[in-house]
Amino acid sequence: MTHKMNRRALIKGMAAAAVAVPAAGLAGGTNASAATAASGATTADTLAFDPDAYTEITTTISTDDGDKEVTYHFWSAITYVTDPVDETYQSLTVSVPVSIDGTAVDATDAPILVSNSIGGYLPSSVSTNTGVSSSRAQLAIAAGYVAVEPGARGRTLVDSAGDYYGTAPAAIVDLKAAIRYVRYNAGTIPGDTDRIVTAGTSAGGALSALLGASGGSSLYDDYLSELGAADADDIVYATGAWCPITDLENADGAYEWNWGGNTLSSGEEVDQDVSADLIALFETYQSGLGLTADDYGTVTADNLDDYLLATYLEPAATSYLADLSDDDRTTYLAANTFITWDGSAATFSWSDYLDHVGSRGKDAPAFDAFDLSAGENNEFGVDTTEARHFTDYSLANDTSGSGGSSLDSDIPGKLEMMNPMYFIGEGNDDRAKYWWIRTGTKDTDTALTVVGNLALSLENLGDDVNALMYWDAAHGADEDPADFITWIADVTGYTG
């Protein structure tokens, strides 16, 4: 890998170095807001993207078409709001290819992939990145796209006063601010700001889906204004979401409906009374969604298993088996006799599938723990309170000693701001209309219903949805990354 600093960027960096940087600021890199402050510019100008403040890097990126030598311009750690709470997290990087295997690339009108690396609703920082980081962003620039990698605050951040400053809705507010920064700089930042595609996995997948579903919503305006977000919209064109940990207020019931009969890794059952209560709550929720599918009518808890089998699970097994050699397929089928293989398609029952998966990954309740021990409890912490309940059921069964008679008054609003299903249910016209959704069939970190309902609800609105599951894959799987890159070109109409 080789690096070459743009001469004008180097001079600007030397000038900016004469300005004192706050202790909470970035450890290094080119900071657009700090550089502008050095010149005495107005506050509004601190969000102006400097097209010359890049480092030129040449690296080799492995793709399905072989290794590619990519030379790209890299902008490090740009603070994307004027009044950041913590620049270490509220910054982004930009990577723009200028040549691939020696052939010049013009990324002026290329799609922009905004790929986050958030997991577990934890803080994510790009402040020390010295080049394109995630594998998705690398594949994007190898295809000639622009890659933006944003950081964001997360649930475990605590200030000197003991206040939690990264809990809900901080992460989604930060990502929206990053989108606004990119669009605010349309015409200066390389790429087509009307063709922004988001991507993320796990909690990052949930947040990517939320960016797609909530674009343009005014619910976040006060939070964005407080940070000094750019005066631009946060609508995105398309969304990629892998194993999204979302729909949290209904996730405990969904988890029990899916995995309630599976034992823990210890071989013990979860509390079956709790499981049954949560399943009943999910049945009511599922019915209330009013989702419909061809050959199924309304998809309720009574036929959801058949729908998931036919739509996702059997096709996933079929694809997996078809890709095996004859010998490997024979071996796999001999070890998994619950699958009927007719030479072109796999069939099996829901109960046999559950037995095949084996132990569940989480106790009951899976997300709003009675003792407030789940990461999602921390996600809804506030001020100096580390964790709170966000469902009535877990509050009523609290074992932490922190329960009350009702959920705190801010919880319902924060749940809406953190759940793409809320905006989909409202039929938000500004939502993304193109969706890439993936999960593994052995992902017991969440329920398959999360992906099933997300995809079906979008299909019911008429959106273009490309959703599937990876057979025998666990949480975080991404088995067709090259196809995602091709899909971006297809849905954006980009031909290079």
Protein backbone atom coordinates (compact mmCIF):
# COMPACT_ATOMS: atom_id res chain seq x y z
CA MET A 1 0.00 0.00 0.00
CA THR A 2 1.37 3.45 -0.91
CA HIS A 3 0.30 6.88 0.37
CA LYS A 4 0.72 10.28 -1.27
CA MET A 5 -0.46 13.44 0.47
CA ASN A 6 -2.09 16.09 -1.72
CA ARG A 7 0.25 19.13 -1.50
CA ARG A 8 -2.56 21.64 -0.93
CA ALA A 9 -4.01 19.40 1.78
CA LEU A 10 -0.60 19.23 3.47
CA ILE A 11 -0.29 23.02 3.55
CA LYS A 12 -3.80 23.36 4.95
CA GLY A 13 -3.04 20.73 7.57
CA MET A 14 0.03 22.70 8.69
CA ALA A 15 -2.07 25.84 9.07
CA ALA A 16 -4.75 24.01 11.02
CA ALA A 17 -2.12 22.60 13.37
CA ALA A 18 -1.60 26.09 14.78
CA VAL A 19 -5.12 26.07 16.20
CA ALA A 20 -5.76 24.52 19.60
CA VAL A 21 -7.99 21.42 19.38
CA PRO A 22 -10.36 20.63 22.29
CA ALA A 23 -9.49 17.63 24.42
CA ALA A 24 -12.59 15.81 23.18
CA GLY A 25 -11.53 16.36 19.56
CA LEU A 26 -9.87 14.06 17.09
CA ALA A 27 -6.50 12.54 17.71
CA GLY A 28 -5.40 13.12 14.13
CA GLY A 29 -6.45 13.33 10.49
CA THR A 30 -7.88 16.17 8.44
CA ASN A 31 -10.77 17.79 10.29
CA ALA A 32 -12.87 20.01 8.02
CA SER A 33 -14.41 21.97 10.91
CA ALA A 34 -11.03 22.63 12.59
CA ALA A 35 -9.44 23.71 9.31
CA THR A 36 -12.25 26.14 8.58
CA ALA A 37 -12.13 27.57 12.09
CA ALA A 38 -8.43 28.30 11.53
CA SER A 39 -9.28 30.60 8.64
CA GLY A 40 -11.89 32.49 10.66
CA ALA A 41 -14.80 31.26 8.50
CA THR A 42 -18.40 31.31 9.67
CA THR A 43 -19.91 28.40 11.60
CA ALA A 44 -21.98 27.35 8.59
CA ASP A 45 -18.81 26.97 6.51
CA THR A 46 -17.37 24.42 8.92
CA LEU A 47 -19.50 21.80 7.17
CA ALA A 48 -18.05 22.57 3.75
CA PHE A 49 -16.24 19.57 2.27
CA ASP A 50 -12.68 20.41 1.20
CA PRO A 51 -12.11 18.60 -2.11
CA ASP A 52 -8.34 19.00 -1.83
CA ALA A 53 -7.79 17.68 1.71
CA TYR A 54 -7.11 14.08 0.76
CA THR A 55 -4.35 11.52 0.92
CA GLU A 56 -3.76 9.43 -2.19
CA ILE A 57 -3.49 5.71 -1.46
CA THR A 58 -2.83 2.72 -3.67
CA THR A 59 -3.83 -0.70 -2.40
CA THR A 60 -4.84 -4.15 -3.61
CA ILE A 61 -8.45 -5.24 -3.04
CA SER A 62 -9.59 -8.83 -3.50
CA THR A 63 -12.85 -9.21 -5.45
CA ASP A 64 -14.72 -12.07 -7.09
CA ASP A 65 -13.09 -10.97 -10.34
CA GLY A 66 -9.62 -11.26 -8.85
CA ASP A 67 -7.29 -8.80 -7.16
CA LYS A 68 -7.60 -5.18 -8.24
CA GLU A 69 -5.04 -2.43 -7.75
CA VAL A 70 -7.06 0.57 -6.64
CA THR A 71 -5.73 4.10 -6.27
CA TYR A 72 -8.11 6.28 -4.30
CA HIS A 73 -8.33 9.60 -2.52
CA PHE A 74 -8.97 9.34 1.19
CA TRP A 75 -10.41 12.06 3.42
CA SER A 76 -9.85 11.22 7.09
CA ALA A 77 -11.99 12.00 10.11
CA ILE A 78 -14.26 14.83 8.97
CA THR A 79 -16.54 16.06 11.76
CA TYR A 80 -20.03 16.03 10.28
CA VAL A 81 -21.82 18.42 12.69
CA THR A 82 -20.93 21.91 13.91
CA ASP A 83 -21.62 21.23 17.61
CA PRO A 84 -20.45 17.67 18.24
CA VAL A 85 -20.89 15.99 21.60
CA ASP A 86 -17.83 13.84 20.87
CA GLU A 87 -15.86 14.26 17.64
CA THR A 88 -14.16 10.94 18.22
CA TYR A 89 -17.41 9.29 17.15
CA GLN A 90 -19.20 12.02 15.20
CA SER A 91 -16.88 11.97 12.22
CA LEU A 92 -16.73 10.21 8.87
CA THR A 93 -14.22 9.22 6.22
CA VAL A 94 -14.58 9.45 2.44
CA SER A 95 -12.86 7.19 -0.10
CA VAL A 96 -13.02 7.95 -3.83
CA PRO A 97 -11.37 5.76 -6.49
CA VAL A 98 -9.32 7.53 -9.15
CA SER A 99 -7.90 4.51 -10.97
CA ILE A 100 -8.49 0.76 -11.02
CA ASP A 101 -5.80 -1.51 -12.48
CA GLY A 102 -4.24 1.53 -14.11
CA THR A 103 -7.44 2.77 -15.78
CA ALA A 104 -8.65 6.22 -14.71
CA VAL A 105 -11.99 6.35 -12.85
CA ASP A 106 -14.36 9.32 -12.76
CA ALA A 107 -16.56 8.88 -9.67
CA THR A 108 -18.41 12.18 -10.11
CA ASP A 109 -21.75 10.45 -10.74
CA ALA A 110 -21.04 7.19 -8.91
CA PRO A 111 -23.34 5.81 -6.19
CA ILE A 112 -22.29 6.64 -2.63
CA LEU A 113 -22.19 3.71 -0.20
CA VAL A 114 -22.57 4.85 3.42
CA SER A 115 -21.40 1.79 5.34
CA ASN A 116 -21.47 1.78 9.14
CA SER A 117 -19.59 -0.69 11.37
CA ILE A 118 -21.86 -0.49 14.40
CA GLY A 119 -22.48 -3.64 16.44
CA GLY A 120 -24.49 -4.12 19.61
CA TYR A 121 -25.56 -0.46 19.59
CA LEU A 122 -22.03 0.23 20.82
CA PRO A 123 -20.00 3.32 19.89
CA SER A 124 -18.19 3.22 16.56
CA SER A 125 -15.28 5.47 15.62
CA VAL A 126 -13.39 6.12 12.39
CA SER A 127 -11.27 8.91 13.92
CA THR A 128 -7.99 7.00 13.61
CA ASN A 129 -8.67 5.29 10.27
CA THR A 130 -5.87 5.77 7.77
CA GLY A 131 -7.66 4.30 4.77
CA VAL A 132 -10.82 2.61 3.58
CA SER A 133 -11.76 0.18 6.34
CA SER A 134 -14.71 -2.19 5.99
CA SER A 135 -14.81 -4.95 3.39
CA ARG A 136 -18.02 -3.49 1.90
CA ALA A 137 -16.41 -0.08 1.49
CA GLN A 138 -13.36 -1.70 -0.10
CA LEU A 139 -15.49 -3.59 -2.60
CA ALA A 140 -17.41 -0.39 -3.33
CA ILE A 141 -14.33 1.61 -4.34
CA ALA A 142 -13.03 -1.39 -6.31
CA ALA A 143 -16.28 -1.13 -8.31
CA GLY A 144 -15.80 2.59 -8.88
CA TYR A 145 -18.23 3.81 -6.21
CA VAL A 146 -17.65 6.40 -3.49
CA ALA A 147 -17.48 4.98 0.05
CA VAL A 148 -18.39 6.95 3.16
CA GLU A 149 -17.73 5.34 6.56
CA PRO A 150 -19.38 7.17 9.47
CA GLY A 151 -18.78 6.77 13.16
CA ALA A 152 -21.56 7.23 15.71
CA ARG A 153 -22.10 7.42 19.44
CA GLY A 154 -23.15 4.26 21.28
CA ARG A 155 -24.86 3.13 24.43
CA THR A 156 -21.82 2.66 26.71
CA LEU A 157 -20.43 6.20 26.45
CA VAL A 158 -20.37 8.03 29.80
CA ASP A 159 -19.15 11.57 30.47
CA SER A 160 -17.30 12.88 33.52
CA ALA A 161 -20.61 13.57 35.29
CA GLY A 162 -21.71 9.95 34.86
CA ASP A 163 -24.29 10.72 32.17
CA TYR A 164 -24.83 8.28 29.31
CA TYR A 165 -24.58 10.31 26.13
CA GLY A 166 -24.77 7.64 23.44
CA THR A 167 -28.06 5.93 24.24
CA ALA A 168 -31.17 6.06 22.05
CA PRO A 169 -31.63 7.85 19.76
CA ALA A 170 -27.99 9.04 19.53
CA ALA A 171 -26.75 6.49 16.98
CA ILE A 172 -29.50 7.08 14.43
CA VAL A 173 -29.29 10.84 14.93
CA ASP A 174 -25.56 10.71 14.23
CA LEU A 175 -25.99 8.60 11.10
CA LYS A 176 -28.67 10.96 9.84
CA ALA A 177 -26.33 13.87 10.46
CA ALA A 178 -23.68 12.07 8.41
CA ILE A 179 -26.14 11.62 5.52
CA ARG A 180 -27.05 15.31 5.75
CA TYR A 181 -23.38 16.27 5.62
CA VAL A 182 -22.90 14.27 2.42
CA ARG A 183 -25.97 15.76 0.75
CA TYR A 184 -25.14 19.28 1.96
CA ASN A 185 -21.90 19.02 0.00
CA ALA A 186 -23.51 17.88 -3.26
CA GLY A 187 -21.41 19.05 -6.19
CA THR A 188 -18.26 19.25 -4.06
CA ILE A 189 -18.05 15.81 -2.52
CA PRO A 190 -17.54 13.21 -5.26
CA GLY A 191 -20.45 10.92 -6.10
CA ASP A 192 -24.17 11.22 -6.78
CA THR A 193 -25.78 12.46 -3.56
CA ASP A 194 -29.18 11.41 -4.93
CA ARG A 195 -27.96 7.80 -5.03
CA ILE A 196 -26.91 7.19 -1.42
CA VAL A 197 -27.02 3.53 -0.38
CA THR A 198 -26.67 2.55 3.29
CA ALA A 199 -25.30 -0.68 4.73
CA GLY A 200 -24.81 -2.27 8.15
CA THR A 201 -24.91 -5.53 10.09
CA SER A 202 -26.65 -6.49 13.36
CA ALA A 203 -27.45 -3.26 15.23
CA GLY A 204 -25.77 -1.54 12.29
CA GLY A 205 -28.20 -3.38 10.03
CA ALA A 206 -31.09 -2.16 12.15
CA LEU A 207 -29.79 1.40 11.88
CA SER A 208 -29.28 1.06 8.14
CA ALA A 209 -32.90 -0.12 7.81
CA LEU A 210 -33.96 2.78 10.01
CA LEU A 211 -32.13 5.26 7.77
CA GLY A 212 -33.99 3.80 4.81
CA ALA A 213 -37.42 3.76 6.46
CA SER A 214 -37.31 7.09 8.29
CA GLY A 215 -35.71 9.38 5.72
CA GLY A 216 -37.13 12.89 5.86
CA SER A 217 -38.96 12.37 9.17
CA SER A 218 -39.25 15.44 11.39
CA LEU A 219 -39.10 13.31 14.56
CA TYR A 220 -35.34 13.79 14.74
CA ASP A 221 -35.19 17.50 13.89
CA ASP A 222 -34.65 18.81 17.42
CA TYR A 223 -31.82 16.36 18.04
CA LEU A 224 -30.19 17.20 14.71
CA SER A 225 -30.56 20.92 15.28
CA GLU A 226 -28.92 20.63 18.70
CA LEU A 227 -25.87 19.03 17.07
CA GLY A 228 -25.68 21.60 14.29
CA ALA A 229 -26.38 19.09 11.54
CA ALA A 230 -26.17 20.34 7.96
CA ASP A 231 -29.16 22.06 6.39
CA ALA A 232 -30.01 19.19 4.04
CA ASP A 233 -32.29 16.17 4.03
CA ASP A 234 -31.38 12.65 5.17
CA ILE A 235 -33.36 10.69 2.58
CA VAL A 236 -31.48 7.70 1.17
CA TYR A 237 -32.02 5.92 -2.13
CA ALA A 238 -31.45 2.29 -1.14
CA THR A 239 -30.70 0.23 1.95
CA GLY A 240 -28.70 -2.89 2.75
CA ALA A 241 -29.40 -4.57 6.10
CA TRP A 242 -27.79 -7.78 7.37
CA CYS A 243 -29.20 -9.58 10.46
CA PRO A 244 -30.90 -6.41 11.75
CA ILE A 245 -31.48 -6.33 15.51
CA THR A 246 -34.61 -4.21 15.36
CA ASP A 247 -38.32 -3.94 16.22
CA LEU A 248 -37.12 -4.08 19.82
CA GLU A 249 -40.44 -3.51 21.55
CA ASN A 250 -41.76 -6.70 19.90
CA ALA A 251 -38.50 -8.62 19.73
CA ASP A 252 -38.97 -10.64 22.94
CA GLY A 253 -42.25 -12.10 21.72
CA ALA A 254 -40.87 -12.71 18.24
CA TYR A 255 -37.88 -14.51 19.71
CA GLU A 256 -40.07 -16.85 21.77
CA TRP A 257 -42.39 -17.53 18.85
CA ASN A 258 -39.34 -18.55 16.82
CA TRP A 259 -37.03 -20.20 19.35
CA GLY A 260 -39.24 -20.80 22.40
CA GLY A 261 -39.09 -24.58 22.06
CA ASN A 262 -35.30 -24.68 21.74
CA THR A 263 -33.18 -25.18 24.83
CA LEU A 264 -30.26 -23.07 25.98
CA SER A 265 -26.72 -24.27 25.22
CA SER A 266 -26.71 -25.78 28.71
CA GLY A 267 -29.57 -28.03 27.67
CA GLU A 268 -31.98 -26.28 30.04
CA GLU A 269 -35.33 -24.84 29.02
CA VAL A 270 -36.15 -21.20 29.56
CA ASP A 271 -39.10 -20.37 31.81
CA GLN A 272 -41.98 -21.79 29.78
CA ASP A 273 -44.58 -19.54 31.41
CA VAL A 274 -42.60 -16.47 30.40
CA SER A 275 -42.13 -17.90 26.92
CA ALA A 276 -45.86 -18.56 26.56
CA ASP A 277 -46.76 -15.05 27.74
CA LEU A 278 -44.42 -13.48 25.23
CA ILE A 279 -45.66 -15.69 22.39
CA ALA A 280 -49.21 -14.53 23.12
CA LEU A 281 -48.08 -10.91 22.91
CA PHE A 282 -46.38 -11.61 19.59
CA GLU A 283 -49.49 -13.28 18.19
CA THR A 284 -51.44 -10.08 18.84
CA TYR A 285 -48.70 -7.94 17.32
CA GLN A 286 -48.36 -10.10 14.21
CA SER A 287 -52.08 -10.03 13.58
CA GLY A 288 -52.14 -6.26 13.97
CA LEU A 289 -49.54 -5.78 11.24
CA GLY A 290 -52.08 -6.89 8.63
CA LEU A 291 -49.38 -8.11 6.25
CA THR A 292 -50.45 -10.13 3.24
CA ALA A 293 -48.63 -12.52 0.93
CA ASP A 294 -49.62 -14.44 -2.18
CA ASP A 295 -50.96 -17.92 -1.34
CA TYR A 296 -51.20 -17.02 2.36
CA GLY A 297 -53.62 -14.14 2.65
CA THR A 298 -52.98 -12.33 5.91
CA VAL A 299 -49.75 -13.57 7.48
CA THR A 300 -50.50 -14.25 11.14
CA ALA A 301 -48.69 -16.22 13.82
CA ASP A 302 -50.70 -19.25 12.67
CA ASN A 303 -49.24 -19.40 9.17
CA LEU A 304 -46.01 -17.46 9.62
CA ASP A 305 -43.98 -20.66 9.95
CA ASP A 306 -45.28 -21.95 6.61
CA TYR A 307 -44.59 -18.58 5.02
CA LEU A 308 -41.01 -18.46 6.30
CA LEU A 309 -40.40 -22.05 5.24
CA ALA A 310 -41.57 -21.54 1.66
CA THR A 311 -40.21 -18.03 1.18
CA TYR A 312 -36.81 -18.27 2.85
CA LEU A 313 -35.79 -21.52 4.51
CA GLU A 314 -36.44 -24.11 1.81
CA PRO A 315 -35.02 -21.84 -0.94
CA ALA A 316 -31.92 -21.27 1.24
CA ALA A 317 -31.41 -25.01 1.69
CA THR A 318 -32.07 -25.62 -2.00
CA SER A 319 -29.46 -23.07 -3.05
CA TYR A 320 -26.94 -24.45 -0.57
CA LEU A 321 -27.40 -28.05 -1.71
CA ALA A 322 -27.38 -27.15 -5.41
CA ASP A 323 -23.99 -25.49 -4.99
CA LEU A 324 -22.40 -28.57 -3.40
CA SER A 325 -20.58 -31.23 -5.39
CA ASP A 326 -22.45 -34.52 -5.78
CA ASP A 327 -20.30 -36.19 -3.14
CA ASP A 328 -20.61 -33.34 -0.64
CA ARG A 329 -24.37 -33.16 -1.18
CA THR A 330 -24.72 -36.88 -0.54
CA THR A 331 -22.69 -36.53 2.65
CA TYR A 332 -24.69 -33.54 3.87
CA LEU A 333 -28.07 -35.20 3.19
CA ALA A 334 -26.92 -38.38 4.96
CA ALA A 335 -26.15 -36.29 8.05
CA ASN A 336 -29.40 -34.30 7.78
CA THR A 337 -32.08 -36.82 6.97
CA PHE A 338 -34.88 -34.40 7.84
CA ILE A 339 -34.37 -32.79 4.41
CA THR A 340 -36.16 -34.30 1.43
CA TRP A 341 -34.19 -33.61 -1.76
CA ASP A 342 -35.81 -34.39 -5.11
CA GLY A 343 -32.81 -33.40 -7.16
CA SER A 344 -33.80 -29.77 -7.55
CA ALA A 345 -35.54 -28.63 -4.35
CA ALA A 346 -35.29 -29.17 -0.59
CA THR A 347 -38.33 -29.59 1.65
CA PHE A 348 -38.70 -30.14 5.39
CA SER A 349 -40.95 -29.24 8.31
CA TRP A 350 -40.70 -26.23 10.62
CA SER A 351 -40.19 -28.44 13.68
CA ASP A 352 -37.40 -30.37 11.98
CA TYR A 353 -35.75 -27.09 11.03
CA LEU A 354 -35.84 -25.93 14.68
CA ASP A 355 -34.31 -29.22 15.80
CA HIS A 356 -31.60 -28.77 13.18
CA VAL A 357 -30.68 -25.31 14.50
CA GLY A 358 -30.31 -26.63 18.03
CA SER A 359 -29.78 -24.40 21.06
CA ARG A 360 -31.10 -20.86 21.25
CA GLY A 361 -28.69 -17.99 21.77
CA LYS A 362 -30.56 -16.01 24.41
CA ASP A 363 -32.59 -16.51 27.58
CA ALA A 364 -36.15 -15.24 28.01
CA PRO A 365 -36.80 -12.38 27.65
CA ALA A 366 -34.09 -12.01 25.06
CA PHE A 367 -33.92 -8.21 24.81
CA ASP A 368 -35.69 -6.51 27.71
CA ALA A 369 -34.22 -8.62 30.50
CA PHE A 370 -36.08 -8.70 33.83
CA ASP A 371 -32.82 -7.82 35.60
CA LEU A 372 -31.90 -5.07 33.07
CA SER A 373 -28.80 -7.02 32.01
CA ALA A 374 -29.36 -6.97 28.22
CA GLY A 375 -27.49 -4.56 25.99
CA GLU A 376 -30.80 -3.23 24.76
CA ASN A 377 -31.70 -2.19 28.33
CA ASN A 378 -28.56 -0.05 28.27
CA GLU A 379 -29.58 1.33 24.86
CA PHE A 380 -32.57 2.93 26.60
CA GLY A 381 -30.61 4.28 29.54
CA VAL A 382 -30.81 8.00 30.24
CA ASP A 383 -28.81 10.58 32.19
CA THR A 384 -27.01 8.65 34.96
CA THR A 385 -29.35 5.64 34.69
CA GLU A 386 -27.47 2.90 32.89
CA ALA A 387 -30.41 0.71 31.85
CA ARG A 388 -34.19 0.85 31.71
CA HIS A 389 -37.11 -1.35 30.71
CA PHE A 390 -38.77 -0.56 27.42
CA THR A 391 -41.65 -3.08 27.45
CA ASP A 392 -44.59 -3.24 29.82
CA TYR A 393 -44.19 -6.98 30.27
CA SER A 394 -40.60 -6.84 31.51
CA LEU A 395 -41.35 -3.83 33.67
CA ALA A 396 -44.16 -5.75 35.34
CA ASN A 397 -41.77 -8.66 35.97
CA ASP A 398 -38.76 -6.58 36.98
CA THR A 399 -36.21 -8.29 39.23
CA SER A 400 -33.68 -5.45 39.33
CA GLY A 401 -35.47 -3.37 41.94
CA SER A 402 -35.69 -0.52 39.43
CA GLY A 403 -39.22 -1.17 38.24
CA GLY A 404 -42.14 1.20 38.40
CA SER A 405 -45.83 1.34 37.66
CA SER A 406 -45.36 2.47 34.07
CA LEU A 407 -42.64 2.97 31.48
CA ASP A 408 -40.84 6.31 31.63
CA SER A 409 -42.65 8.90 29.52
CA ASP A 410 -39.84 9.26 26.95
CA ILE A 411 -39.66 5.55 26.14
CA PRO A 412 -42.53 5.33 23.58
CA GLY A 413 -41.11 8.17 21.51
CA LYS A 414 -37.61 6.72 21.55
CA LEU A 415 -38.95 3.32 20.52
CA GLU A 416 -40.57 4.91 17.49
CA MET A 417 -37.35 6.68 16.55
CA MET A 418 -35.42 3.40 16.79
CA ASN A 419 -37.81 1.16 14.85
CA PRO A 420 -38.08 1.12 11.03
CA MET A 421 -41.41 -0.73 11.33
CA TYR A 422 -42.98 2.42 12.77
CA PHE A 423 -42.14 4.47 9.67
CA ILE A 424 -43.07 1.64 7.31
CA GLY A 425 -46.40 1.31 9.08
CA GLU A 426 -46.94 5.05 8.59
CA GLY A 427 -46.17 4.62 4.89
CA ASN A 428 -43.43 7.25 4.93
CA ASP A 429 -43.24 8.46 1.30
CA ASP A 430 -39.61 9.53 1.69
CA ARG A 431 -38.38 6.06 2.58
CA ALA A 432 -35.86 4.20 0.45
CA LYS A 433 -37.61 2.20 -2.26
CA TYR A 434 -34.87 -0.40 -2.83
CA TRP A 435 -33.91 -2.93 -0.15
CA TRP A 436 -31.27 -5.65 0.24
CA ILE A 437 -32.03 -7.76 3.34
CA ARG A 438 -30.10 -10.79 4.57
CA THR A 439 -29.75 -13.09 7.60
CA GLY A 440 -28.56 -16.59 8.40
CA THR A 441 -30.92 -19.48 9.09
CA LYS A 442 -28.97 -20.26 12.27
CA ASP A 443 -29.00 -16.68 13.54
CA THR A 444 -30.38 -17.13 17.04
CA ASP A 445 -29.30 -13.64 18.10
CA THR A 446 -32.72 -12.56 16.90
CA ALA A 447 -35.87 -14.04 15.34
CA LEU A 448 -36.33 -14.81 11.65
CA THR A 449 -39.60 -12.91 11.90
CA VAL A 450 -37.67 -9.63 12.10
CA VAL A 451 -36.36 -10.05 8.56
CA GLY A 452 -39.58 -11.71 7.37
CA ASN A 453 -41.82 -8.90 8.60
CA LEU A 454 -39.45 -6.14 7.51
CA ALA A 455 -39.25 -7.47 3.96
CA LEU A 456 -42.96 -8.30 3.66
CA SER A 457 -44.08 -4.93 5.02
CA LEU A 458 -41.95 -3.18 2.40
CA GLU A 459 -43.21 -5.47 -0.35
CA ASN A 460 -46.78 -4.64 0.72
CA LEU A 461 -45.92 -0.97 0.12
CA GLY A 462 -44.69 -1.81 -3.38
CA ASP A 463 -40.96 -1.44 -2.73
CA ASP A 464 -38.29 -3.40 -4.60
CA VAL A 465 -37.06 -5.92 -2.01
CA ASN A 466 -34.22 -8.40 -2.49
CA ALA A 467 -34.36 -10.57 0.64
CA LEU A 468 -33.00 -14.04 1.36
CA MET A 469 -31.42 -16.18 4.06
CA TYR A 470 -28.09 -18.00 4.09
CA TRP A 471 -28.49 -21.67 4.93
CA ASP A 472 -26.75 -22.78 8.13
CA ALA A 473 -25.19 -19.32 8.59
CA ALA A 474 -25.03 -17.62 11.97
CA HIS A 475 -25.36 -13.98 13.03
CA GLY A 476 -23.38 -11.50 10.97
CA ALA A 477 -23.07 -13.64 7.84
CA ASP A 478 -22.56 -12.03 4.43
CA GLU A 479 -22.18 -14.72 1.81
CA ASP A 480 -22.84 -12.73 -1.38
CA PRO A 481 -20.97 -9.42 -1.03
CA ALA A 482 -20.18 -9.18 -4.74
CA ASP A 483 -23.88 -9.54 -5.55
CA PHE A 484 -24.65 -6.59 -3.28
CA ILE A 485 -22.15 -4.44 -5.16
CA THR A 486 -23.75 -5.47 -8.47
CA TRP A 487 -27.22 -4.80 -7.03
CA ILE A 488 -26.20 -1.22 -6.22
CA ALA A 489 -25.37 -0.62 -9.88
CA ASP A 490 -28.62 -2.26 -10.96
CA VAL A 491 -30.95 -0.23 -8.74
CA THR A 492 -29.12 3.07 -9.20
CA GLY A 493 -28.72 2.66 -12.93
CA TYR A 494 -24.98 3.24 -12.69
CA THR A 495 -22.95 2.04 -15.67
CA GLY A 496 -19.56 3.53 -14.79
